[in-house]
Amino acid sequence: MDSPTHNLPALFKQLGLADDPQSIERFIATHSPLKPELHLADAFFWSKSQSEFLRDELLEDADWAEVVDQLDVLLRKGRGS
């Protein structure tokens, strides 16, 4: 059985954030770059439930883990990288 695949807009929607391309780009530009030692789920801009979701998905290597990793990379590179 194939695992469901999720994309970045779906992750933003799951997190309760605007999921259109401009909003995603603005979010990444506003909140990046993350410090190398900071775990994505520990960033100040997440609510408690968002942070828990991100942490759980990564720890459990769940369906959303791949796209959470993608967001982590984007937030570490910053805009225009």
PDB file of N, CA and C in Angstrom:
ATOM      1  N   MET A   1       0.845  -1.169   0.000  1.00  0.00           N
ATOM      2  CA  MET A   1       0.000   0.000   0.000  1.00  0.00           C
ATOM      3  C   MET A   1       0.896   1.239   0.000  1.00  0.00           C
ATOM      4  N   ASP A   2       0.579   2.189  -0.852  1.00  0.00           N
ATOM      5  CA  ASP A   2       1.362   3.419  -0.925  1.00  0.00           C
ATOM      6  C   ASP A   2       0.967   4.365   0.193  1.00  0.00           C
ATOM      7  N   SER A   3       1.974   5.046   0.727  1.00  0.00           N
ATOM      8  CA  SER A   3       1.718   6.056   1.741  1.00  0.00           C
ATOM      9  C   SER A   3       1.151   7.302   1.084  1.00  0.00           C
ATOM     10  N   PRO A   4       0.269   7.995   1.775  1.00  0.00           N
ATOM     11  CA  PRO A   4      -0.224   9.248   1.208  1.00  0.00           C
ATOM     12  C   PRO A   4       0.918  10.247   1.119  1.00  0.00           C
ATOM     13  N   THR A   5       0.894  11.037   0.071  1.00  0.00           N
ATOM     14  CA  THR A   5       1.920  12.056  -0.064  1.00  0.00           C
ATOM     15  C   THR A   5       1.288  13.413   0.191  1.00  0.00           C
ATOM     16  N   HIS A   6       2.032  14.243   0.871  1.00  0.00           N
ATOM     17  CA  HIS A   6       1.561  15.572   1.209  1.00  0.00           C
ATOM     18  C   HIS A   6       2.512  16.586   0.589  1.00  0.00           C
ATOM     19  N   ASN A   7       1.985  17.768   0.346  1.00  0.00           N
ATOM     20  CA  ASN A   7       2.815  18.831  -0.192  1.00  0.00           C
ATOM     21  C   ASN A   7       2.829  20.018   0.771  1.00  0.00           C
ATOM     22  N   LEU A   8       3.618  21.013   0.438  1.00  0.00           N
ATOM     23  CA  LEU A   8       3.784  22.162   1.317  1.00  0.00           C
ATOM     24  C   LEU A   8       2.469  22.906   1.560  1.00  0.00           C
ATOM     25  N   PRO A   9       1.671  23.194   0.528  1.00  0.00           N
ATOM     26  CA  PRO A   9       0.384  23.854   0.803  1.00  0.00           C
ATOM     27  C   PRO A   9      -0.508  23.035   1.741  1.00  0.00           C
ATOM     28  N   ALA A  10      -0.504  21.722   1.591  1.00  0.00           N
ATOM     29  CA  ALA A  10      -1.314  20.873   2.476  1.00  0.00           C
ATOM     30  C   ALA A  10      -0.804  20.955   3.919  1.00  0.00           C
ATOM     31  N   LEU A  11       0.513  21.026   4.096  1.00  0.00           N
ATOM     32  CA  LEU A  11       1.069  21.159   5.442  1.00  0.00           C
ATOM     33  C   LEU A  11       0.653  22.487   6.061  1.00  0.00           C
ATOM     34  N   PHE A  12       0.736  23.566   5.294  1.00  0.00           N
ATOM     35  CA  PHE A  12       0.330  24.867   5.818  1.00  0.00           C
ATOM     36  C   PHE A  12      -1.146  24.849   6.206  1.00  0.00           C
ATOM     37  N   LYS A  13      -1.964  24.213   5.392  1.00  0.00           N
ATOM     38  CA  LYS A  13      -3.387  24.104   5.723  1.00  0.00           C
ATOM     39  C   LYS A  13      -3.576  23.286   6.997  1.00  0.00           C
ATOM     40  N   GLN A  14      -2.843  22.188   7.130  1.00  0.00           N
ATOM     41  CA  GLN A  14      -2.909  21.337   8.323  1.00  0.00           C
ATOM     42  C   GLN A  14      -2.522  22.123   9.570  1.00  0.00           C
ATOM     43  N   LEU A  15      -1.567  23.048   9.409  1.00  0.00           N
ATOM     44  CA  LEU A  15      -1.110  23.867  10.533  1.00  0.00           C
ATOM     45  C   LEU A  15      -2.014  25.073  10.788  1.00  0.00           C
ATOM     46  N   GLY A  16      -3.043  25.243   9.963  1.00  0.00           N
ATOM     47  CA  GLY A  16      -3.969  26.357  10.142  1.00  0.00           C
ATOM     48  C   GLY A  16      -3.436  27.665   9.598  1.00  0.00           C
ATOM     49  N   LEU A  17      -2.501  27.576   8.656  1.00  0.00           N
ATOM     50  CA  LEU A  17      -1.896  28.761   8.059  1.00  0.00           C
ATOM     51  C   LEU A  17      -2.399  28.943   6.628  1.00  0.00           C
ATOM     52  N   ALA A  18      -2.289  30.161   6.131  1.00  0.00           N
ATOM     53  CA  ALA A  18      -2.651  30.422   4.736  1.00  0.00           C
ATOM     54  C   ALA A  18      -1.782  29.541   3.844  1.00  0.00           C
ATOM     55  N   ASP A  19      -2.395  28.906   2.858  1.00  0.00           N
ATOM     56  CA  ASP A  19      -1.673  27.907   2.066  1.00  0.00           C
ATOM     57  C   ASP A  19      -1.480  28.270   0.600  1.00  0.00           C
ATOM     58  N   ASP A  20      -1.708  29.531   0.252  1.00  0.00           N
ATOM     59  CA  ASP A  20      -1.458  29.945  -1.130  1.00  0.00           C
ATOM     60  C   ASP A  20       0.037  30.224  -1.302  1.00  0.00           C
ATOM     61  N   PRO A  21       0.552  30.149  -2.523  1.00  0.00           N
ATOM     62  CA  PRO A  21       1.995  30.308  -2.744  1.00  0.00           C
ATOM     63  C   PRO A  21       2.586  31.606  -2.186  1.00  0.00           C
ATOM     64  N   GLN A  22       1.889  32.712  -2.314  1.00  0.00           N
ATOM     65  CA  GLN A  22       2.404  33.984  -1.817  1.00  0.00           C
ATOM     66  C   GLN A  22       2.505  33.980  -0.295  1.00  0.00           C
ATOM     67  N   SER A  23       1.520  33.423   0.377  1.00  0.00           N
ATOM     68  CA  SER A  23       1.541  33.362   1.838  1.00  0.00           C
ATOM     69  C   SER A  23       2.649  32.443   2.340  1.00  0.00           C
ATOM     70  N   ILE A  24       2.860  31.330   1.654  1.00  0.00           N
ATOM     71  CA  ILE A  24       3.932  30.408   2.035  1.00  0.00           C
ATOM     72  C   ILE A  24       5.289  31.096   1.865  1.00  0.00           C
ATOM     73  N   GLU A  25       5.480  31.767   0.749  1.00  0.00           N
ATOM     74  CA  GLU A  25       6.737  32.479   0.509  1.00  0.00           C
ATOM     75  C   GLU A  25       6.965  33.564   1.564  1.00  0.00           C
ATOM     76  N   ARG A  26       5.909  34.289   1.882  1.00  0.00           N
ATOM     77  CA  ARG A  26       6.007  35.349   2.893  1.00  0.00           C
ATOM     78  C   ARG A  26       6.345  34.755   4.270  1.00  0.00           C
ATOM     79  N   PHE A  27       5.725  33.645   4.620  1.00  0.00           N
ATOM     80  CA  PHE A  27       6.003  32.981   5.896  1.00  0.00           C
ATOM     81  C   PHE A  27       7.477  32.589   5.977  1.00  0.00           C
ATOM     82  N   ILE A  28       7.980  31.981   4.919  1.00  0.00           N
ATOM     83  CA  ILE A  28       9.381  31.547   4.898  1.00  0.00           C
ATOM     84  C   ILE A  28      10.310  32.754   4.970  1.00  0.00           C
ATOM     85  N   ALA A  29       9.996  33.800   4.237  1.00  0.00           N
ATOM     86  CA  ALA A  29      10.834  35.002   4.255  1.00  0.00           C
ATOM     87  C   ALA A  29      10.828  35.659   5.630  1.00  0.00           C
ATOM     88  N   THR A  30       9.690  35.658   6.286  1.00  0.00           N
ATOM     89  CA  THR A  30       9.550  36.294   7.599  1.00  0.00           C
ATOM     90  C   THR A  30      10.263  35.521   8.697  1.00  0.00           C
ATOM     91  N   HIS A  31      10.245  34.197   8.620  1.00  0.00           N
ATOM     92  CA  HIS A  31      10.730  33.365   9.728  1.00  0.00           C
ATOM     93  C   HIS A  31      12.060  32.673   9.473  1.00  0.00           C
ATOM     94  N   SER A  32      12.759  33.068   8.444  1.00  0.00           N
ATOM     95  CA  SER A  32      14.036  32.420   8.170  1.00  0.00           C
ATOM     96  C   SER A  32      15.143  33.457   8.133  1.00  0.00           C
ATOM     97  N   PRO A  33      16.360  33.025   8.267  1.00  0.00           N
ATOM     98  CA  PRO A  33      16.797  31.634   8.466  1.00  0.00           C
ATOM     99  C   PRO A  33      16.746  31.231   9.935  1.00  0.00           C
ATOM    100  N   LEU A  34      16.417  29.956  10.149  1.00  0.00           N
ATOM    101  CA  LEU A  34      16.457  29.403  11.501  1.00  0.00           C
ATOM    102  C   LEU A  34      17.904  29.137  11.898  1.00  0.00           C
ATOM    103  N   LYS A  35      18.202  29.291  13.167  1.00  0.00           N
ATOM    104  CA  LYS A  35      19.544  28.977  13.666  1.00  0.00           C
ATOM    105  C   LYS A  35      19.774  27.472  13.542  1.00  0.00           C
ATOM    106  N   PRO A  36      20.984  27.079  13.198  1.00  0.00           N
ATOM    107  CA  PRO A  36      21.270  25.647  13.002  1.00  0.00           C
ATOM    108  C   PRO A  36      20.942  24.772  14.211  1.00  0.00           C
ATOM    109  N   GLU A  37      21.128  25.299  15.418  1.00  0.00           N
ATOM    110  CA  GLU A  37      20.904  24.478  16.614  1.00  0.00           C
ATOM    111  C   GLU A  37      19.429  24.415  17.035  1.00  0.00           C
ATOM    112  N   LEU A  38      18.578  25.193  16.401  1.00  0.00           N
ATOM    113  CA  LEU A  38      17.162  25.238  16.760  1.00  0.00           C
ATOM    114  C   LEU A  38      16.369  24.171  16.012  1.00  0.00           C
ATOM    115  N   HIS A  39      15.658  23.344  16.760  1.00  0.00           N
ATOM    116  CA  HIS A  39      14.771  22.366  16.127  1.00  0.00           C
ATOM    117  C   HIS A  39      13.558  23.105  15.571  1.00  0.00           C
ATOM    118  N   LEU A  40      13.114  22.679  14.417  1.00  0.00           N
ATOM    119  CA  LEU A  40      11.982  23.331  13.759  1.00  0.00           C
ATOM    120  C   LEU A  40      10.799  23.491  14.708  1.00  0.00           C
ATOM    121  N   ALA A  41      10.447  22.451  15.414  1.00  0.00           N
ATOM    122  CA  ALA A  41       9.268  22.478  16.294  1.00  0.00           C
ATOM    123  C   ALA A  41       9.438  23.412  17.486  1.00  0.00           C
ATOM    124  N   ASP A  42      10.673  23.822  17.774  1.00  0.00           N
ATOM    125  CA  ASP A  42      10.930  24.708  18.910  1.00  0.00           C
ATOM    126  C   ASP A  42      10.962  26.184  18.529  1.00  0.00           C
ATOM    127  N   ALA A  43      10.737  26.492  17.273  1.00  0.00           N
ATOM    128  CA  ALA A  43      10.764  27.889  16.841  1.00  0.00           C
ATOM    129  C   ALA A  43       9.641  28.667  17.536  1.00  0.00           C
ATOM    130  N   PHE A  44       9.918  29.921  17.835  1.00  0.00           N
ATOM    131  CA  PHE A  44       9.011  30.757  18.626  1.00  0.00           C
ATOM    132  C   PHE A  44       7.668  31.023  17.951  1.00  0.00           C
ATOM    133  N   PHE A  45       7.603  30.915  16.647  1.00  0.00           N
ATOM    134  CA  PHE A  45       6.405  31.335  15.920  1.00  0.00           C
ATOM    135  C   PHE A  45       5.308  30.279  15.845  1.00  0.00           C
ATOM    136  N   TRP A  46       5.572  29.075  16.349  1.00  0.00           N
ATOM    137  CA  TRP A  46       4.533  28.040  16.338  1.00  0.00           C
ATOM    138  C   TRP A  46       3.681  28.124  17.595  1.00  0.00           C
ATOM    139  N   SER A  47       2.396  27.801  17.441  1.00  0.00           N
ATOM    140  CA  SER A  47       1.558  27.613  18.616  1.00  0.00           C
ATOM    141  C   SER A  47       1.937  26.274  19.243  1.00  0.00           C
ATOM    142  N   LYS A  48       1.439  26.016  20.438  1.00  0.00           N
ATOM    143  CA  LYS A  48       1.735  24.751  21.103  1.00  0.00           C
ATOM    144  C   LYS A  48       1.270  23.568  20.256  1.00  0.00           C
ATOM    145  N   SER A  49       0.078  23.638  19.709  1.00  0.00           N
ATOM    146  CA  SER A  49      -0.444  22.516  18.921  1.00  0.00           C
ATOM    147  C   SER A  49       0.332  22.337  17.610  1.00  0.00           C
ATOM    148  N   GLN A  50       0.735  23.426  16.983  1.00  0.00           N
ATOM    149  CA  GLN A  50       1.545  23.320  15.769  1.00  0.00           C
ATOM    150  C   GLN A  50       2.888  22.668  16.081  1.00  0.00           C
ATOM    151  N   SER A  51       3.506  23.114  17.156  1.00  0.00           N
ATOM    152  CA  SER A  51       4.792  22.570  17.570  1.00  0.00           C
ATOM    153  C   SER A  51       4.687  21.072  17.864  1.00  0.00           C
ATOM    154  N   GLU A  52       3.656  20.686  18.574  1.00  0.00           N
ATOM    155  CA  GLU A  52       3.456  19.274  18.899  1.00  0.00           C
ATOM    156  C   GLU A  52       3.242  18.444  17.637  1.00  0.00           C
ATOM    157  N   PHE A  53       2.455  18.968  16.705  1.00  0.00           N
ATOM    158  CA  PHE A  53       2.209  18.259  15.452  1.00  0.00           C
ATOM    159  C   PHE A  53       3.526  18.035  14.707  1.00  0.00           C
ATOM    160  N   LEU A  54       4.312  19.093  14.542  1.00  0.00           N
ATOM    161  CA  LEU A  54       5.580  18.983  13.812  1.00  0.00           C
ATOM    162  C   LEU A  54       6.519  17.989  14.502  1.00  0.00           C
ATOM    163  N   ARG A  55       6.648  18.100  15.797  1.00  0.00           N
ATOM    164  CA  ARG A  55       7.533  17.211  16.559  1.00  0.00           C
ATOM    165  C   ARG A  55       7.072  15.756  16.431  1.00  0.00           C
ATOM    166  N   ASP A  56       5.785  15.522  16.618  1.00  0.00           N
ATOM    167  CA  ASP A  56       5.257  14.156  16.549  1.00  0.00           C
ATOM    168  C   ASP A  56       5.440  13.536  15.169  1.00  0.00           C
ATOM    169  N   GLU A  57       5.179  14.300  14.149  1.00  0.00           N
ATOM    170  CA  GLU A  57       5.305  13.766  12.790  1.00  0.00           C
ATOM    171  C   GLU A  57       6.745  13.354  12.494  1.00  0.00           C
ATOM    172  N   LEU A  58       7.698  14.148  12.954  1.00  0.00           N
ATOM    173  CA  LEU A  58       9.106  13.807  12.729  1.00  0.00           C
ATOM    174  C   LEU A  58       9.539  12.621  13.587  1.00  0.00           C
ATOM    175  N   LEU A  59       9.164  12.626  14.856  1.00  0.00           N
ATOM    176  CA  LEU A  59       9.567  11.538  15.754  1.00  0.00           C
ATOM    177  C   LEU A  59       9.006  10.192  15.311  1.00  0.00           C
ATOM    178  N   GLU A  60       7.796  10.209  14.802  1.00  0.00           N
ATOM    179  CA  GLU A  60       7.144   8.969  14.386  1.00  0.00           C
ATOM    180  C   GLU A  60       7.423   8.620  12.928  1.00  0.00           C
ATOM    181  N   ASP A  61       8.195   9.483  12.245  1.00  0.00           N
ATOM    182  CA  ASP A  61       8.443   9.318  10.812  1.00  0.00           C
ATOM    183  C   ASP A  61       7.115   9.053  10.095  1.00  0.00           C
ATOM    184  N   ALA A  62       6.140   9.869  10.447  1.00  0.00           N
ATOM    185  CA  ALA A  62       4.768   9.707   9.967  1.00  0.00           C
ATOM    186  C   ALA A  62       4.601  10.267   8.550  1.00  0.00           C
ATOM    187  N   ASP A  63       3.377  10.217   8.066  1.00  0.00           N
ATOM    188  CA  ASP A  63       3.059  10.632   6.696  1.00  0.00           C
ATOM    189  C   ASP A  63       3.532  12.037   6.362  1.00  0.00           C
ATOM    190  N   TRP A  64       3.471  12.917   7.331  1.00  0.00           N
ATOM    191  CA  TRP A  64       3.822  14.310   7.080  1.00  0.00           C
ATOM    192  C   TRP A  64       5.314  14.583   7.213  1.00  0.00           C
ATOM    193  N   ALA A  65       6.109  13.626   7.671  1.00  0.00           N
ATOM    194  CA  ALA A  65       7.518  13.871   7.990  1.00  0.00           C
ATOM    195  C   ALA A  65       8.314  14.418   6.809  1.00  0.00           C
ATOM    196  N   GLU A  66       8.087  13.899   5.635  1.00  0.00           N
ATOM    197  CA  GLU A  66       8.860  14.351   4.468  1.00  0.00           C
ATOM    198  C   GLU A  66       8.621  15.828   4.164  1.00  0.00           C
ATOM    199  N   VAL A  67       7.375  16.261   4.200  1.00  0.00           N
ATOM    200  CA  VAL A  67       7.092  17.665   3.908  1.00  0.00           C
ATOM    201  C   VAL A  67       7.475  18.569   5.082  1.00  0.00           C
ATOM    202  N   VAL A  68       7.442  18.057   6.307  1.00  0.00           N
ATOM    203  CA  VAL A  68       7.942  18.819   7.454  1.00  0.00           C
ATOM    204  C   VAL A  68       9.448  19.039   7.277  1.00  0.00           C
ATOM    205  N   ASP A  69      10.156  18.017   6.838  1.00  0.00           N
ATOM    206  CA  ASP A  69      11.586  18.163   6.542  1.00  0.00           C
ATOM    207  C   ASP A  69      11.813  19.204   5.442  1.00  0.00           C
ATOM    208  N   GLN A  70      10.959  19.192   4.449  1.00  0.00           N
ATOM    209  CA  GLN A  70      11.062  20.173   3.358  1.00  0.00           C
ATOM    210  C   GLN A  70      10.913  21.591   3.907  1.00  0.00           C
ATOM    211  N   LEU A  71       9.940  21.804   4.768  1.00  0.00           N
ATOM    212  CA  LEU A  71       9.745  23.118   5.374  1.00  0.00           C
ATOM    213  C   LEU A  71      10.963  23.501   6.216  1.00  0.00           C
ATOM    214  N   ASP A  72      11.508  22.557   6.945  1.00  0.00           N
ATOM    215  CA  ASP A  72      12.693  22.805   7.761  1.00  0.00           C
ATOM    216  C   ASP A  72      13.848  23.303   6.882  1.00  0.00           C
ATOM    217  N   VAL A  73      14.080  22.650   5.772  1.00  0.00           N
ATOM    218  CA  VAL A  73      15.144  23.048   4.851  1.00  0.00           C
ATOM    219  C   VAL A  73      14.881  24.463   4.317  1.00  0.00           C
ATOM    220  N   LEU A  74      13.659  24.727   3.915  1.00  0.00           N
ATOM    221  CA  LEU A  74      13.326  26.051   3.384  1.00  0.00           C
ATOM    222  C   LEU A  74      13.535  27.150   4.423  1.00  0.00           C
ATOM    223  N   LEU A  75      13.177  26.877   5.660  1.00  0.00           N
ATOM    224  CA  LEU A  75      13.344  27.861   6.714  1.00  0.00           C
ATOM    225  C   LEU A  75      14.807  28.050   7.127  1.00  0.00           C
ATOM    226  N   ARG A  76      15.621  27.069   6.877  1.00  0.00           N
ATOM    227  CA  ARG A  76      17.053  27.213   7.186  1.00  0.00           C
ATOM    228  C   ARG A  76      17.795  27.935   6.074  1.00  0.00           C
ATOM    229  N   LYS A  77      17.377  27.738   4.839  1.00  0.00           N
ATOM    230  CA  LYS A  77      18.036  28.405   3.709  1.00  0.00           C
ATOM    231  C   LYS A  77      17.666  29.878   3.654  1.00  0.00           C
ATOM    232  N   GLY A  78      16.417  30.162   3.954  1.00  0.00           N
ATOM    233  CA  GLY A  78      15.953  31.541   3.843  1.00  0.00           C
ATOM    234  C   GLY A  78      15.528  31.858   2.426  1.00  0.00           C
ATOM    235  N   ARG A  79      15.038  33.019   2.265  1.00  0.00           N
ATOM    236  CA  ARG A  79      14.522  33.460   0.985  1.00  0.00           C
ATOM    237  C   ARG A  79      15.647  33.641  -0.018  1.00  0.00           C
ATOM    238  N   GLY A  80      15.387  33.204  -1.239  1.00  0.00           N
ATOM    239  CA  GLY A  80      16.304  33.439  -2.328  1.00  0.00           C
ATOM    240  C   GLY A  80      17.509  32.520  -2.363  1.00  0.00           C
ATOM    241  N   SER A  81      17.554  31.518  -1.507  1.00  0.00           N
ATOM    242  CA  SER A  81      18.695  30.597  -1.504  1.00  0.00           C
ATOM    243  C   SER A  81      18.444  29.415  -2.401  1.00  0.00           C
TER     244      SER A  81
END
